Amino acid sequence: MKPFIVMDIVKEAKKYKNVVHLEIGEPDILPSPKVKKATLKAIDENQFFYTPSKGLLELREKIANHYKYFYDVDINPENIIITTGTSTAFLIAFYFAQKIATPTPGYPCYQNFAELENKEFITFKDSLDFEFDTLMISSPNNPTGEVVDIEKYATFCKQNNKLLISDELYHGLIYDKEYSTALKYNKNAIVINGFSKFFCMPGFRIGWMIVPDDKIRMAEIIAQNILISAPTISQYAALEAFDYEYLEKVKNEFKKRRDFLYNELKDIFNISEPDGAFYLWCDISKYSNNSLEFCNNLLKEKQVALTPGVDFGEFNTHIRIAYTKDIKTLQEGVKRIKEFLAI
């Protein structure tokens, strides 16, 4: 199993003072004030006990309402399982797979989850002309921020009897493109999402998955064994996370950051403007062909923490920069990167 290098970068950065942290995908924006009130209310009411393994019915109903509001897609709350972040959702989803294919570059934990369950794991760039039974898609993609044509993949899986697992964790943080959930095009897909990114609740460790009818019971049984239930206080907090007026401000703030950082760095690195999420995927080949060495030296010399491209596959000439800090911090990060590159 491969290490999650970005977490090693976070650990190494603790050795330095005044580090500009642009490495980890953790929003610095607080969740809606309603979330804090709901958290304190749950504590005051002593909500310290297990919920059903599928999660609070009230929260599953809220999520179903969210799909109707956001995508005009009808979801039965019985098909929703509340999970501890999205990580346990992937462990449950991968139970139903044998040979998993996913685009590269991609989130490194997918492969590690597959290895934990002794599943075959294949990455691809363009063609799907090989044998597999499960397609794992992330849109917007981490690390590129690209929004993929989910209708194309969902239709392909439906027509070819493939299981589709759709990671939609960064939905809500898509800035200019139209998009929808995979469930709009394929009712048999497994969709995974959570509260850590768009809803700005990373430490609450709360997510959800939507499974087709024929997989509900087995997914629930697995949840009973590996979760018992998701954190109860976090579930009550999440009941108030769907504050759409507040969430629109969150999206607009990240869009401002994207525009600022992209415009500052596009002439320094080769970058495709991201459609969503909060990352820039930067080609550093004119400066280095060793992304880990590049990031380690930048941290050591200028105290800027970034993620090396090798975290996401064989990408020694790429780095990922997270715009999860305010523009003042991003300005300082850009200044130090330019000093490091002697620009």
Protein backbone atom coordinates (compact mmCIF):
# COMPACT_ATOMS: atom_id res chain seq x y z
CA MET A 1 0.00 0.00 0.00
CA LYS A 2 1.30 3.42 -0.98
CA PRO A 3 1.60 6.25 1.55
CA PHE A 4 -0.67 9.27 1.23
CA ILE A 5 2.26 11.65 0.63
CA VAL A 6 0.34 14.85 1.27
CA MET A 7 -0.13 13.78 4.89
CA ASP A 8 3.64 13.30 5.17
CA ILE A 9 4.06 16.84 3.80
CA VAL A 10 1.65 18.11 6.48
CA LYS A 11 3.72 16.35 9.15
CA GLU A 12 7.00 17.70 7.79
CA ALA A 13 5.59 21.24 7.61
CA LYS A 14 5.09 21.24 11.39
CA LYS A 15 8.88 21.55 11.74
CA TYR A 16 8.80 25.07 10.27
CA LYS A 17 7.32 28.40 11.36
CA ASN A 18 5.08 30.60 9.22
CA VAL A 19 4.32 27.89 6.66
CA VAL A 20 1.93 28.75 3.83
CA HIS A 21 -0.26 25.64 3.70
CA LEU A 22 -1.47 25.01 0.16
CA GLU A 23 -1.12 21.23 0.30
CA ILE A 24 -4.21 19.78 1.92
CA GLY A 25 -7.79 19.82 0.66
CA GLU A 26 -9.28 21.22 3.84
CA PRO A 27 -11.49 24.32 3.58
CA ASP A 28 -10.52 27.16 5.92
CA ILE A 29 -14.08 28.52 5.75
CA LEU A 30 -16.36 27.69 8.65
CA PRO A 31 -19.65 25.88 8.03
CA SER A 32 -22.94 27.69 8.25
CA PRO A 33 -23.53 29.16 11.73
CA LYS A 34 -26.61 26.94 11.83
CA VAL A 35 -24.30 23.92 12.00
CA LYS A 36 -22.65 25.17 15.18
CA LYS A 37 -26.03 25.84 16.79
CA ALA A 38 -27.21 22.34 15.85
CA THR A 39 -24.01 20.84 17.29
CA LEU A 40 -24.40 22.62 20.62
CA LYS A 41 -28.09 21.72 20.73
CA ALA A 42 -27.29 18.03 20.23
CA ILE A 43 -24.69 18.15 23.00
CA ASP A 44 -27.10 19.96 25.32
CA GLU A 45 -29.72 17.29 24.62
CA ASN A 46 -27.21 14.49 25.37
CA GLN A 47 -27.31 12.96 21.90
CA PHE A 48 -24.38 10.68 22.63
CA PHE A 49 -25.80 7.31 21.60
CA TYR A 50 -25.67 5.18 18.46
CA THR A 51 -28.05 5.95 15.65
CA PRO A 52 -29.32 3.24 13.26
CA SER A 53 -26.48 1.97 11.08
CA LYS A 54 -27.98 3.65 8.02
CA GLY A 55 -28.03 6.93 9.92
CA LEU A 56 -30.70 9.27 11.24
CA LEU A 57 -33.83 9.12 9.13
CA GLU A 58 -34.15 12.91 9.43
CA LEU A 59 -30.71 13.37 7.88
CA ARG A 60 -31.37 10.87 5.11
CA GLU A 61 -34.58 12.76 4.32
CA LYS A 62 -32.64 16.04 4.23
CA ILE A 63 -30.17 14.53 1.78
CA ALA A 64 -33.00 13.22 -0.39
CA ASN A 65 -34.50 16.74 -0.40
CA HIS A 66 -31.09 18.09 -1.38
CA TYR A 67 -31.06 15.90 -4.50
CA LYS A 68 -34.49 17.15 -5.47
CA TYR A 69 -33.48 20.78 -4.91
CA PHE A 70 -30.02 20.57 -6.46
CA TYR A 71 -30.56 18.13 -9.34
CA ASP A 72 -34.33 17.59 -9.60
CA VAL A 73 -33.70 13.90 -8.95
CA ASP A 74 -35.96 11.85 -6.68
CA ILE A 75 -34.15 9.71 -4.10
CA ASN A 76 -35.71 7.36 -1.58
CA PRO A 77 -34.16 7.95 1.89
CA GLU A 78 -34.06 4.16 2.27
CA ASN A 79 -31.32 4.08 -0.38
CA ILE A 80 -29.11 6.46 1.60
CA ILE A 81 -26.50 5.36 4.16
CA ILE A 82 -24.71 7.88 6.37
CA THR A 83 -21.00 7.11 6.64
CA THR A 84 -17.91 8.25 8.52
CA GLY A 85 -16.62 10.68 5.93
CA THR A 86 -16.51 9.26 2.43
CA SER A 87 -13.70 6.80 3.18
CA THR A 88 -15.95 4.16 4.71
CA ALA A 89 -18.42 4.71 1.86
CA PHE A 90 -15.72 3.63 -0.60
CA LEU A 91 -14.92 0.57 1.49
CA ILE A 92 -18.60 -0.40 1.33
CA ALA A 93 -18.92 0.38 -2.39
CA PHE A 94 -15.80 -1.57 -3.34
CA TYR A 95 -17.29 -4.69 -1.76
CA PHE A 96 -19.58 -4.86 -4.82
CA ALA A 97 -16.67 -4.59 -7.29
CA GLN A 98 -14.04 -7.01 -8.58
CA LYS A 99 -11.98 -5.15 -11.18
CA ILE A 100 -12.11 -1.38 -10.75
CA ALA A 101 -11.11 1.09 -13.47
CA THR A 102 -10.58 4.78 -12.80
CA PRO A 103 -9.08 7.73 -14.71
CA THR A 104 -5.60 8.96 -13.91
CA PRO A 105 -4.56 11.23 -12.26
CA GLY A 106 -6.84 10.43 -9.35
CA TYR A 107 -7.29 10.39 -5.60
CA PRO A 108 -4.61 8.00 -4.24
CA CYS A 109 -6.79 6.38 -1.59
CA TYR A 110 -8.97 4.70 -4.24
CA GLN A 111 -6.18 2.26 -5.03
CA ASN A 112 -5.37 1.74 -1.36
CA PHE A 113 -9.00 0.96 -0.57
CA ALA A 114 -9.05 -1.54 -3.45
CA GLU A 115 -5.88 -3.22 -2.20
CA LEU A 116 -7.33 -3.50 1.30
CA GLU A 117 -10.18 -5.54 -0.17
CA ASN A 118 -8.00 -7.50 -2.62
CA LYS A 119 -9.70 -5.98 -5.65
CA GLU A 120 -7.99 -5.46 -8.99
CA PHE A 121 -7.36 -1.80 -9.76
CA ILE A 122 -6.67 -0.29 -13.20
CA THR A 123 -6.06 3.32 -14.22
CA PHE A 124 -6.70 4.73 -17.68
CA LYS A 125 -6.32 8.02 -19.52
CA ASP A 126 -8.71 7.81 -22.46
CA SER A 127 -9.95 4.48 -23.75
CA LEU A 128 -12.08 1.97 -21.85
CA ASP A 129 -11.06 -0.80 -24.23
CA PHE A 130 -10.17 -3.40 -21.58
CA GLU A 131 -11.91 -5.78 -19.22
CA PHE A 132 -13.39 -4.47 -15.96
CA ASP A 133 -16.66 -4.67 -14.07
CA THR A 134 -16.67 -1.38 -12.13
CA LEU A 135 -15.98 2.18 -13.23
CA MET A 136 -14.93 4.66 -10.55
CA ILE A 137 -15.39 8.30 -11.59
CA SER A 138 -14.61 11.47 -9.64
CA SER A 139 -16.07 14.75 -10.87
CA PRO A 140 -14.77 17.35 -10.29
CA ASN A 141 -11.56 15.38 -10.31
CA ASN A 142 -9.00 15.55 -7.54
CA PRO A 143 -6.32 16.78 -8.42
CA THR A 144 -7.23 18.41 -11.76
CA GLY A 145 -10.55 20.07 -10.93
CA GLU A 146 -11.96 18.78 -14.24
CA VAL A 147 -15.68 18.15 -14.57
CA VAL A 148 -16.14 15.01 -16.65
CA ASP A 149 -19.02 14.04 -18.93
CA ILE A 150 -20.83 11.95 -16.32
CA GLU A 151 -23.77 11.34 -18.66
CA LYS A 152 -21.41 9.57 -21.07
CA TYR A 153 -19.92 7.32 -18.40
CA ALA A 154 -23.25 6.65 -16.69
CA THR A 155 -24.84 5.65 -20.01
CA PHE A 156 -21.86 3.48 -20.93
CA CYS A 157 -22.13 1.58 -17.64
CA LYS A 158 -25.87 1.13 -18.00
CA GLN A 159 -25.58 -0.17 -21.54
CA ASN A 160 -22.65 -2.50 -20.78
CA ASN A 161 -23.79 -3.87 -17.42
CA LYS A 162 -20.96 -2.21 -15.48
CA LEU A 163 -21.24 -0.87 -11.94
CA LEU A 164 -20.65 2.88 -11.76
CA ILE A 165 -19.30 4.42 -8.56
CA SER A 166 -19.50 8.21 -8.75
CA ASP A 167 -17.49 10.31 -6.29
CA GLU A 168 -19.35 13.63 -6.14
CA LEU A 169 -17.63 15.06 -3.06
CA TYR A 170 -16.81 18.38 -4.76
CA HIS A 171 -20.29 18.99 -6.13
CA GLY A 172 -21.39 22.49 -5.20
CA LEU A 173 -17.88 23.75 -5.93
CA ILE A 174 -18.30 23.82 -9.72
CA TYR A 175 -17.97 27.36 -10.97
CA ASP A 176 -18.97 27.74 -14.60
CA LYS A 177 -20.13 24.41 -16.03
CA GLU A 178 -23.51 22.72 -15.90
CA TYR A 179 -23.45 19.40 -14.06
CA SER A 180 -25.65 16.80 -12.42
CA THR A 181 -25.46 13.65 -10.34
CA ALA A 182 -24.80 10.30 -12.01
CA LEU A 183 -28.17 9.16 -10.67
CA LYS A 184 -29.90 11.38 -13.20
CA TYR A 185 -28.60 9.07 -15.93
CA ASN A 186 -28.10 5.73 -14.18
CA LYS A 187 -30.33 4.68 -11.27
CA ASN A 188 -28.08 1.69 -10.55
CA ALA A 189 -25.01 3.80 -9.82
CA ILE A 190 -23.52 4.10 -6.36
CA VAL A 191 -23.07 7.78 -5.55
CA ILE A 192 -20.77 8.98 -2.77
CA ASN A 193 -20.69 12.46 -1.27
CA GLY A 194 -20.04 14.14 2.06
CA PHE A 195 -19.92 17.28 4.14
CA SER A 196 -16.17 17.95 4.25
CA LYS A 197 -15.70 20.16 1.15
CA PHE A 198 -18.69 22.20 -0.08
CA PHE A 199 -20.29 22.18 3.37
CA CYS A 200 -16.96 23.05 5.08
CA MET A 201 -17.24 20.34 7.76
CA PRO A 202 -14.04 18.25 7.37
CA GLY A 203 -13.52 17.42 11.04
CA PHE A 204 -17.09 16.25 11.55
CA ARG A 205 -16.19 13.12 9.54
CA ILE A 206 -19.61 12.69 8.03
CA GLY A 207 -20.59 11.57 4.52
CA TRP A 208 -23.20 9.57 2.67
CA MET A 209 -23.67 7.04 -0.08
CA ILE A 210 -26.69 6.26 -2.24
CA VAL A 211 -27.01 2.63 -3.31
CA PRO A 212 -29.43 0.90 -5.71
CA ASP A 213 -32.29 -1.18 -4.34
CA ASP A 214 -30.58 -4.55 -4.77
CA LYS A 215 -27.57 -3.46 -2.70
CA ILE A 216 -29.28 -1.72 0.22
CA ARG A 217 -29.35 -4.64 2.64
CA MET A 218 -25.79 -5.80 2.07
CA ALA A 219 -24.48 -2.22 2.29
CA GLU A 220 -26.36 -1.84 5.56
CA ILE A 221 -24.86 -5.07 6.92
CA ILE A 222 -21.35 -3.90 6.04
CA ALA A 223 -22.07 -0.54 7.69
CA GLN A 224 -23.24 -2.35 10.82
CA ASN A 225 -19.88 -4.10 11.00
CA ILE A 226 -17.39 -1.38 10.05
CA LEU A 227 -19.27 1.69 11.34
CA ILE A 228 -21.92 0.62 13.84
CA SER A 229 -23.08 4.12 12.97
CA ALA A 230 -21.58 7.42 11.86
CA PRO A 231 -20.81 9.96 14.63
CA THR A 232 -24.10 10.94 16.23
CA ILE A 233 -23.25 14.56 17.06
CA SER A 234 -22.02 15.05 13.51
CA GLN A 235 -25.27 13.70 12.10
CA TYR A 236 -27.30 16.16 14.12
CA ALA A 237 -24.96 18.97 13.05
CA ALA A 238 -25.35 18.01 9.39
CA LEU A 239 -29.12 18.44 9.63
CA GLU A 240 -28.52 22.19 9.40
CA ALA A 241 -25.76 22.10 6.76
CA PHE A 242 -28.11 22.67 3.81
CA ASP A 243 -28.06 26.45 4.19
CA TYR A 244 -28.10 27.32 0.50
CA GLU A 245 -27.76 31.08 0.90
CA TYR A 246 -24.59 30.53 2.94
CA LEU A 247 -23.30 27.82 0.59
CA GLU A 248 -23.60 30.15 -2.38
CA LYS A 249 -21.19 32.50 -0.58
CA VAL A 250 -18.82 29.59 -0.01
CA LYS A 251 -18.82 28.74 -3.72
CA ASN A 252 -18.28 32.37 -4.72
CA GLU A 253 -15.34 32.73 -2.34
CA PHE A 254 -13.59 29.66 -3.75
CA LYS A 255 -14.25 30.90 -7.28
CA LYS A 256 -12.54 34.21 -6.42
CA ARG A 257 -9.57 32.28 -5.07
CA ARG A 258 -9.40 30.08 -8.16
CA ASP A 259 -9.44 33.10 -10.45
CA PHE A 260 -6.76 34.88 -8.44
CA LEU A 261 -4.37 31.94 -8.14
CA TYR A 262 -4.85 30.75 -11.72
CA ASN A 263 -4.12 34.21 -13.11
CA GLU A 264 -1.06 34.57 -10.88
CA LEU A 265 0.46 31.21 -11.83
CA LYS A 266 -0.68 30.47 -15.40
CA ASP A 267 2.41 32.13 -16.88
CA ILE A 268 4.73 30.35 -14.45
CA PHE A 269 3.41 26.80 -14.75
CA ASN A 270 1.45 25.06 -17.48
CA ILE A 271 -2.05 24.91 -15.98
CA SER A 272 -5.52 24.08 -17.27
CA GLU A 273 -8.09 26.29 -15.57
CA PRO A 274 -10.05 23.98 -13.22
CA ASP A 275 -13.82 23.66 -13.57
CA GLY A 276 -14.34 22.99 -9.89
CA ALA A 277 -13.04 21.69 -6.55
CA PHE A 278 -10.23 23.85 -5.09
CA TYR A 279 -7.01 22.70 -6.72
CA LEU A 280 -4.63 23.77 -9.48
CA TRP A 281 -2.84 20.91 -11.27
CA CYS A 282 0.44 22.45 -12.40
CA ASP A 283 3.02 21.16 -14.87
CA ILE A 284 6.46 22.04 -13.45
CA SER A 285 8.50 20.30 -16.16
CA LYS A 286 10.45 23.43 -17.10
CA TYR A 287 11.74 23.58 -13.52
CA SER A 288 11.92 19.96 -12.35
CA ASN A 289 11.18 16.35 -13.26
CA ASN A 290 10.95 15.29 -9.60
CA SER A 291 7.78 16.62 -7.99
CA LEU A 292 8.56 15.27 -4.52
CA GLU A 293 12.01 16.84 -4.51
CA PHE A 294 10.51 20.11 -5.81
CA CYS A 295 7.93 20.20 -3.00
CA ASN A 296 10.44 19.24 -0.31
CA ASN A 297 12.87 21.94 -1.43
CA LEU A 298 10.12 24.57 -1.63
CA LEU A 299 9.04 23.71 1.90
CA LYS A 300 12.58 23.76 3.24
CA GLU A 301 13.70 26.96 1.51
CA LYS A 302 10.52 29.06 1.42
CA GLN A 303 8.11 27.34 3.83
CA VAL A 304 5.39 26.74 1.25
CA ALA A 305 3.69 23.35 1.46
CA LEU A 306 2.35 21.82 -1.79
CA THR A 307 1.43 18.28 -2.85
CA PRO A 308 3.73 16.40 -5.28
CA GLY A 309 2.11 14.93 -8.36
CA VAL A 310 3.40 11.44 -7.53
CA ASP A 311 0.63 11.25 -4.94
CA PHE A 312 -1.82 10.87 -7.82
CA GLY A 313 0.03 8.44 -10.09
CA GLU A 314 3.16 8.60 -12.21
CA PHE A 315 3.25 12.38 -12.38
CA ASN A 316 6.78 13.46 -11.54
CA THR A 317 6.40 16.71 -13.46
CA HIS A 318 3.24 17.93 -11.72
CA ILE A 319 2.23 19.45 -8.40
CA ARG A 320 -1.16 20.17 -6.84
CA ILE A 321 -1.82 23.53 -5.20
CA ALA A 322 -4.90 23.90 -3.00
CA TYR A 323 -6.59 27.29 -2.83
CA THR A 324 -8.11 26.52 0.56
CA LYS A 325 -6.70 29.69 2.15
CA ASP A 326 -7.74 33.35 1.86
CA ILE A 327 -6.38 35.53 -0.93
CA LYS A 328 -3.91 37.30 1.38
CA THR A 329 -2.35 33.91 2.18
CA LEU A 330 -2.40 32.94 -1.49
CA GLN A 331 -0.60 36.18 -2.33
CA GLU A 332 2.16 35.31 0.13
CA GLY A 333 2.37 31.80 -1.28
CA VAL A 334 2.74 33.12 -4.84
CA LYS A 335 5.42 35.58 -3.70
CA ARG A 336 7.47 32.80 -2.10
CA ILE A 337 7.05 30.45 -5.08
CA LYS A 338 8.35 33.18 -7.40
CA GLU A 339 11.30 33.77 -5.08
CA PHE A 340 12.03 30.05 -5.05
CA LEU A 341 11.98 29.94 -8.85
CA ALA A 342 13.96 33.20 -9.03
CA ILE A 343 11.25 34.83 -11.15
